[in-house]
Amino acid sequence: MNLEKMALLTQNFNQLIEIQAYTPELKKLWDDFVFEAKNSHFFFKRDYMEYHSDRFQDHSLLFFKNDRLIALFAANIQDKVLYSHQGLSFGGFISSKKMTAQMMLDCFAALRDYAKENAIEKIIYKAIPYIYHREPASEDLYALFINEAKLYRRDSSATIDMSSKLKFQERRRRMIKKAKAENISLQKSDDLAGFWQILKTNLKTKFDVNPVHSLEEIQLLQSRFPENIKLFTASKSDELLAGTLVYENPNVVHTQYLAASVTGKELGALDLLIDYLVNDYYDDKIRYFDFGISNEQGGKYLNQGLMEQKEGFGARVVCHDFYEL
C-alpha cells in the first residue's frame, strides 16, 4: 500500500480510534478487559506483566472507539521499535467480542499514525495462536496482510487437540507401563524448589542455560495466580522424579516447564505424569494441551528429538507467527 493512500486512510480512521498509553491508573480497566477478551491469556494481566518491569520499558496501548475500550496491545519499546511485549511468549491485539474486520483495520491505521507521531520506526508483532481464541479472533492477521507486514519468524509448538486425541506412540506407552510397575505416585505439588533443582540441572547439562524464570520469580507469579500456575509431580518413596509446571487458561493448558531426574527418565516418570494429565486430570476440562515450541535460531532450527517426544503423546504443530511492520 503506497504512503499517500495510507496517509489518507489514517486521516479517516483517526476520527474513529483513540489510543491511550497505559498508566498504573488504568490497571483495573486493563485487567477487566483481559478477563472478558475473546483471545486472552492470564499473563496479560498487569500483575504478571510487571514482575519483570525492570527489564522492559512498558509501552502498552489501549484502543478506544466512541469512548469504549475495544482492544489492548501489550507492548514495550526499545530503540524506536515497538514490540509485542518481549517478556511474553506472544501478544498481538487483545480484542473485545465486538471486534470486527473493519474495526481492526481502523486500529492498525491508528497504530501506524501513533507510531509516526511518536518516532517509532518499526513494530514487531507476535500474533496470539488460535488455540487461545475463545471465539474466532484472526482479524489482526487480515489487517497485517492489508498493511503489508512481513512474516519473518515462525515457531512450531506441539499441541494436543483434546477433542480428537491421537494414540500415544508405542515407546511412550511402553515407558508408561514401566512407570506404573514402579508404583510411582502422582500429585499436585507445592515443591517448586525441588522441581526447580531438577529443571536447572537438566537445562545446564543439556544446553548450558538457566530457566527463563528464577525460582523466586515463579514463586511470586504463582502466589499472584494460584488458579493458573500449577505444579504436578511424580515421586517414588518421597523422591521427586519428575514434574511439570503448567499455565492453565480456560481453553488451553500449557506445560511451561517439563523436567525429570536421571532416575525419573529411566523409570518413565514424566511419561506417566503426562499420561495422567492428558487422559485423566484435564481430559474433559480443556480443548488444547500445549507442550510449547521446539525451535532454536529464531524458528529456523527444529529440535527434532524434542518435537518427536511431544508428537509421541499425540501432539501436532500449531504455529507462533512473528511479523514486522
Protein backbone atom coordinates (compact mmCIF):
# COMPACT_ATOMS: atom_id res chain seq x y z
CA MET A 1 0.00 0.00 0.00
CA ASN A 2 1.55 3.36 -1.02
CA LEU A 3 2.19 6.02 1.64
CA GLU A 4 -0.24 8.59 0.18
CA LYS A 5 -3.13 6.11 0.30
CA MET A 6 -2.14 5.04 3.81
CA ALA A 7 -1.99 8.66 4.96
CA LEU A 8 -5.50 9.29 3.62
CA LEU A 9 -6.85 6.19 5.32
CA THR A 10 -5.17 7.16 8.56
CA GLN A 11 -6.83 10.60 8.50
CA ASN A 12 -10.25 8.97 8.14
CA PHE A 13 -9.65 6.31 10.80
CA ASN A 14 -8.13 8.79 13.22
CA GLN A 15 -11.62 10.21 13.75
CA LEU A 16 -12.79 6.80 14.97
CA ILE A 17 -9.99 5.37 17.12
CA GLU A 18 -8.28 6.97 20.11
CA ILE A 19 -5.09 5.44 21.53
CA GLN A 20 -4.04 5.90 25.11
CA ALA A 21 -0.73 4.74 26.58
CA TYR A 22 -1.06 2.57 29.68
CA THR A 23 -0.56 4.13 33.10
CA PRO A 24 -0.99 2.49 36.54
CA GLU A 25 -4.30 4.32 36.98
CA LEU A 26 -5.72 2.18 34.18
CA LYS A 27 -4.84 -1.14 35.82
CA LYS A 28 -8.41 -2.18 36.70
CA LEU A 29 -9.74 -1.18 33.28
CA TRP A 30 -6.94 -3.15 31.63
CA ASP A 31 -7.36 -6.28 33.78
CA ASP A 32 -11.15 -6.30 33.48
CA PHE A 33 -10.83 -6.14 29.70
CA VAL A 34 -8.31 -9.02 29.66
CA PHE A 35 -10.76 -11.15 31.64
CA GLU A 36 -13.54 -10.58 29.08
CA ALA A 37 -11.49 -10.57 25.86
CA LYS A 38 -12.11 -13.14 23.16
CA ASN A 39 -8.42 -14.03 22.69
CA SER A 40 -6.91 -13.67 26.12
CA HIS A 41 -4.29 -15.19 28.42
CA PHE A 42 -3.82 -14.60 32.13
CA PHE A 43 -0.24 -13.40 31.55
CA PHE A 44 -1.68 -10.23 30.01
CA LYS A 45 -2.83 -9.23 33.50
CA ARG A 46 -0.74 -6.37 34.85
CA ASP A 47 0.38 -8.31 37.94
CA TYR A 48 2.06 -10.80 35.61
CA MET A 49 3.44 -8.35 33.06
CA GLU A 50 5.04 -6.15 35.67
CA TYR A 51 7.05 -8.77 37.54
CA HIS A 52 9.91 -8.02 35.11
CA SER A 53 9.22 -4.30 34.64
CA ASP A 54 12.85 -3.55 35.44
CA ARG A 55 13.90 -5.32 32.23
CA PHE A 56 11.45 -3.79 29.76
CA GLN A 57 10.24 -0.25 29.14
CA ASP A 58 6.49 -0.78 29.02
CA HIS A 59 4.63 0.96 26.22
CA SER A 60 1.31 -0.85 26.28
CA LEU A 61 -1.62 0.78 24.49
CA LEU A 62 -5.40 0.93 24.90
CA PHE A 63 -7.66 1.50 21.88
CA PHE A 64 -11.00 3.29 22.25
CA LYS A 65 -13.85 3.81 19.83
CA ASN A 66 -16.58 6.26 20.83
CA ASP A 67 -15.08 6.24 24.34
CA ARG A 68 -15.47 2.45 24.59
CA LEU A 69 -12.41 0.25 25.06
CA ILE A 70 -12.20 -2.20 22.15
CA ALA A 71 -8.63 -3.53 22.22
CA LEU A 72 -5.35 -3.70 24.10
CA PHE A 73 -1.82 -4.04 22.82
CA ALA A 74 0.69 -5.33 25.42
CA ALA A 75 3.99 -3.81 24.35
CA ASN A 76 7.40 -2.49 25.27
CA ILE A 77 9.64 -0.07 23.41
CA GLN A 78 13.36 -0.16 22.69
CA ASP A 79 15.48 1.84 20.23
CA LYS A 80 12.45 3.26 18.39
CA VAL A 81 10.94 -0.21 17.94
CA LEU A 82 7.56 -1.09 19.46
CA TYR A 83 7.44 -4.78 20.38
CA SER A 84 4.63 -7.12 21.24
CA HIS A 85 5.86 -7.42 24.81
CA GLN A 86 9.24 -9.16 24.77
CA GLY A 87 8.64 -10.59 28.23
CA LEU A 88 5.67 -12.64 26.98
CA SER A 89 5.54 -15.61 24.61
CA PHE A 90 3.08 -13.85 22.31
CA GLY A 91 0.73 -10.91 22.32
CA GLY A 92 -0.90 -9.13 19.42
CA PHE A 93 -4.15 -7.21 19.73
CA ILE A 94 -6.27 -8.41 22.66
CA SER A 95 -9.78 -7.87 21.35
CA SER A 96 -13.27 -7.39 22.67
CA LYS A 97 -16.04 -9.69 21.48
CA LYS A 98 -17.34 -6.81 19.40
CA MET A 99 -14.16 -6.62 17.29
CA THR A 100 -14.80 -6.78 13.54
CA ALA A 101 -12.55 -6.88 10.49
CA GLN A 102 -13.10 -3.20 9.67
CA MET A 103 -12.62 -2.18 13.28
CA MET A 104 -9.27 -3.98 13.34
CA LEU A 105 -8.20 -2.20 10.15
CA ASP A 106 -9.10 1.04 11.92
CA CYS A 107 -6.95 0.02 14.90
CA PHE A 108 -3.95 -0.73 12.68
CA ALA A 109 -4.31 2.57 10.83
CA ALA A 110 -4.47 4.43 14.13
CA LEU A 111 -1.47 2.47 15.41
CA ARG A 112 0.60 3.45 12.36
CA ASP A 113 -0.40 7.07 12.87
CA TYR A 114 0.53 6.81 16.57
CA ALA A 115 3.91 5.32 15.61
CA LYS A 116 4.69 8.23 13.29
CA GLU A 117 3.72 10.78 15.92
CA ASN A 118 5.97 9.10 18.50
CA ALA A 119 9.02 8.50 16.29
CA ILE A 120 8.50 4.72 16.30
CA GLU A 121 10.18 3.29 13.22
CA LYS A 122 9.13 -0.35 13.40
CA ILE A 123 6.51 -2.59 15.04
CA ILE A 124 7.28 -6.23 15.92
CA TYR A 125 4.01 -8.14 16.25
CA LYS A 126 3.67 -11.60 17.83
CA ALA A 127 0.25 -12.96 16.92
CA ILE A 128 -1.75 -14.83 19.55
CA PRO A 129 -2.01 -18.50 18.43
CA TYR A 130 -5.55 -19.53 17.53
CA ILE A 131 -5.75 -22.11 20.33
CA TYR A 132 -6.07 -19.17 22.75
CA HIS A 133 -9.09 -17.78 20.90
CA ARG A 134 -12.33 -18.29 22.85
CA GLU A 135 -14.09 -17.47 19.59
CA PRO A 136 -12.72 -16.57 16.12
CA ALA A 137 -10.25 -13.70 16.51
CA SER A 138 -7.97 -13.54 13.47
CA GLU A 139 -8.94 -10.04 12.40
CA ASP A 140 -5.36 -8.97 13.17
CA LEU A 141 -3.88 -11.46 10.69
CA TYR A 142 -6.01 -9.98 7.94
CA ALA A 143 -5.03 -6.44 8.96
CA LEU A 144 -1.34 -7.43 8.96
CA PHE A 145 -1.77 -8.66 5.37
CA ILE A 146 -3.52 -5.46 4.30
CA ASN A 147 -0.74 -3.41 5.89
CA GLU A 148 1.92 -5.48 4.09
CA ALA A 149 3.54 -6.73 7.27
CA LYS A 150 6.36 -9.22 6.75
CA LEU A 151 6.22 -12.67 8.36
CA TYR A 152 9.84 -13.04 9.47
CA ARG A 153 9.69 -15.83 12.07
CA ARG A 154 7.53 -18.88 12.69
CA ASP A 155 7.93 -21.20 15.70
CA SER A 156 6.33 -24.64 15.87
CA SER A 157 4.53 -25.52 19.08
CA ALA A 158 3.26 -29.05 19.76
CA THR A 159 -0.37 -29.26 20.83
CA ILE A 160 -2.90 -32.00 21.57
CA ASP A 161 -6.47 -31.39 20.45
CA MET A 162 -8.29 -32.90 23.43
CA SER A 163 -11.49 -33.33 21.40
CA SER A 164 -9.79 -35.76 19.00
CA LYS A 165 -6.76 -37.24 20.75
CA LEU A 166 -4.31 -39.38 18.83
CA LYS A 167 -2.98 -42.65 20.18
CA PHE A 168 0.33 -42.41 22.04
CA GLN A 169 3.32 -43.87 20.23
CA GLU A 170 4.50 -47.35 21.27
CA ARG A 171 7.62 -46.04 23.00
CA ARG A 172 5.59 -43.68 25.18
CA ARG A 173 3.11 -46.44 26.04
CA ARG A 174 5.99 -48.75 26.95
CA MET A 175 7.50 -46.17 29.32
CA ILE A 176 4.10 -45.53 30.92
CA LYS A 177 3.67 -49.24 31.55
CA LYS A 178 7.16 -49.40 33.08
CA ALA A 179 6.42 -46.44 35.37
CA LYS A 180 3.14 -47.97 36.55
CA ALA A 181 5.02 -51.12 37.62
CA GLU A 182 7.27 -48.94 39.80
CA ASN A 183 4.35 -47.67 41.92
CA ILE A 184 5.17 -44.05 41.17
CA SER A 185 2.79 -41.58 42.81
CA LEU A 186 1.40 -38.53 41.02
CA GLN A 187 0.25 -35.37 42.75
CA LYS A 188 -0.40 -31.65 42.54
CA SER A 189 2.54 -30.26 44.48
CA ASP A 190 3.91 -27.16 46.20
CA ASP A 191 7.54 -28.32 45.96
CA LEU A 192 8.68 -25.69 43.48
CA ALA A 193 12.18 -25.64 44.97
CA GLY A 194 12.66 -29.38 44.47
CA PHE A 195 11.34 -29.27 40.92
CA TRP A 196 13.46 -26.22 40.09
CA GLN A 197 16.59 -28.06 41.15
CA ILE A 198 15.85 -30.87 38.67
CA LEU A 199 14.94 -28.35 35.98
CA LYS A 200 18.10 -26.27 36.43
CA THR A 201 20.29 -29.38 36.40
CA ASN A 202 18.69 -30.59 33.15
CA LEU A 203 18.99 -27.27 31.35
CA LYS A 204 22.55 -26.69 32.50
CA THR A 205 23.64 -30.18 31.46
CA LYS A 206 21.90 -30.18 28.06
CA PHE A 207 22.08 -26.57 26.91
CA ASP A 208 24.25 -24.69 29.46
CA VAL A 209 21.35 -22.30 30.21
CA ASN A 210 19.09 -21.49 33.14
CA PRO A 211 15.27 -21.43 33.21
CA VAL A 212 13.71 -18.24 31.86
CA HIS A 213 12.26 -17.61 35.33
CA SER A 214 14.21 -17.78 38.56
CA LEU A 215 12.70 -19.81 41.41
CA GLU A 216 11.87 -16.58 43.24
CA GLU A 217 10.10 -15.17 40.18
CA ILE A 218 7.97 -18.26 39.62
CA GLN A 219 7.09 -18.40 43.34
CA LEU A 220 5.96 -14.77 43.12
CA LEU A 221 3.90 -15.40 39.99
CA GLN A 222 2.27 -18.49 41.44
CA SER A 223 1.34 -16.55 44.56
CA ARG A 224 -0.38 -13.99 42.32
CA PHE A 225 -2.04 -16.56 40.03
CA PRO A 226 -2.58 -19.74 42.07
CA GLU A 227 -5.52 -20.84 39.89
CA ASN A 228 -3.46 -20.54 36.70
CA ILE A 229 0.08 -21.67 37.62
CA LYS A 230 0.22 -25.21 38.99
CA LEU A 231 2.93 -27.79 39.62
CA PHE A 232 2.35 -31.52 39.14
CA THR A 233 4.99 -34.05 40.17
CA ALA A 234 5.84 -37.74 40.07
CA SER A 235 7.57 -39.30 43.09
CA LYS A 236 8.67 -42.65 44.50
CA SER A 237 9.39 -43.23 48.19
CA ASP A 238 9.40 -39.46 48.75
CA GLU A 239 12.00 -38.95 46.00
CA LEU A 240 10.96 -36.35 43.43
CA LEU A 241 11.46 -37.90 39.98
CA ALA A 242 9.73 -35.57 37.51
CA GLY A 243 7.37 -32.65 37.21
CA THR A 244 5.70 -30.09 35.02
CA LEU A 245 4.74 -26.52 35.77
CA VAL A 246 1.59 -25.71 33.81
CA TYR A 247 -0.05 -22.45 32.79
CA GLU A 248 -3.80 -23.00 32.83
CA ASN A 249 -6.25 -20.95 30.77
CA PRO A 250 -9.95 -21.53 30.02
CA ASN A 251 -9.30 -23.43 26.76
CA VAL A 252 -5.61 -24.30 27.00
CA VAL A 253 -3.13 -25.85 29.39
CA HIS A 254 0.48 -25.15 28.53
CA THR A 255 3.45 -27.02 30.01
CA GLN A 256 5.70 -24.06 30.77
CA TYR A 257 8.40 -26.37 32.15
CA LEU A 258 8.94 -30.14 32.00
CA ALA A 259 11.80 -31.99 33.72
CA ALA A 260 12.81 -35.38 35.08
CA SER A 261 15.78 -36.56 37.12
CA VAL A 262 18.15 -39.23 35.79
CA THR A 263 16.24 -41.87 37.75
CA GLY A 264 12.93 -40.36 36.66
CA LYS A 265 13.91 -40.70 33.00
CA GLU A 266 14.95 -44.32 33.47
CA LEU A 267 11.62 -45.17 35.14
CA GLY A 268 9.38 -43.25 32.72
CA ALA A 269 8.08 -40.94 35.45
CA LEU A 270 7.44 -37.98 33.15
CA ASP A 271 5.63 -40.16 30.60
CA LEU A 272 3.33 -41.40 33.36
CA LEU A 273 2.70 -37.86 34.58
CA ILE A 274 1.82 -36.56 31.11
CA ASP A 275 -0.47 -39.55 30.52
CA TYR A 276 -2.28 -38.71 33.77
CA LEU A 277 -2.68 -35.04 32.90
CA VAL A 278 -3.83 -35.65 29.31
CA ASN A 279 -6.10 -38.64 29.85
CA ASP A 280 -7.37 -38.07 33.38
CA TYR A 281 -6.87 -34.73 35.09
CA TYR A 282 -7.57 -32.46 32.08
CA ASP A 283 -9.48 -34.97 29.96
CA ASP A 284 -12.82 -33.12 29.81
CA LYS A 285 -11.75 -29.73 31.18
CA ILE A 286 -9.92 -28.09 28.27
CA ARG A 287 -9.75 -28.05 24.46
CA TYR A 288 -5.98 -27.97 23.97
CA PHE A 289 -2.96 -29.36 25.82
CA ASP A 290 0.10 -27.46 24.59
CA PHE A 291 3.74 -28.50 25.09
CA GLY A 292 5.28 -25.32 23.66
CA ILE A 293 7.83 -24.73 20.94
CA SER A 294 10.71 -26.95 19.82
CA ASN A 295 12.74 -24.38 17.89
CA GLU A 296 16.01 -22.52 18.08
CA GLN A 297 17.69 -19.82 15.99
CA GLY A 298 14.55 -17.72 15.55
CA GLY A 299 12.46 -20.66 14.39
CA LYS A 300 14.90 -21.77 11.67
CA TYR A 301 16.13 -24.87 13.51
CA LEU A 302 13.79 -27.66 14.59
CA ASN A 303 14.92 -29.62 17.63
CA GLN A 304 13.81 -32.91 16.12
CA GLY A 305 14.30 -35.04 19.23
CA LEU A 306 12.29 -32.68 21.40
CA MET A 307 9.50 -32.41 18.83
CA GLU A 308 9.33 -36.17 18.36
CA GLN A 309 8.96 -36.68 22.11
CA LYS A 310 5.95 -34.34 22.15
CA GLU A 311 4.50 -35.85 19.00
CA GLY A 312 4.79 -39.22 20.73
CA PHE A 313 1.96 -38.10 23.00
CA GLY A 314 -0.23 -37.23 20.02
CA ALA A 315 0.70 -33.55 19.75
CA ARG A 316 0.80 -31.81 16.37
CA VAL A 317 2.08 -28.42 15.21
CA VAL A 318 0.47 -25.06 15.98
CA CYS A 319 2.46 -22.09 14.66
CA HIS A 320 3.53 -18.99 16.57
CA ASP A 321 3.96 -16.18 14.00
CA PHE A 322 6.09 -13.03 14.21
CA TYR A 323 5.55 -10.05 11.92
CA GLU A 324 7.48 -6.87 11.14
CA LEU A 325 5.60 -3.73 10.22
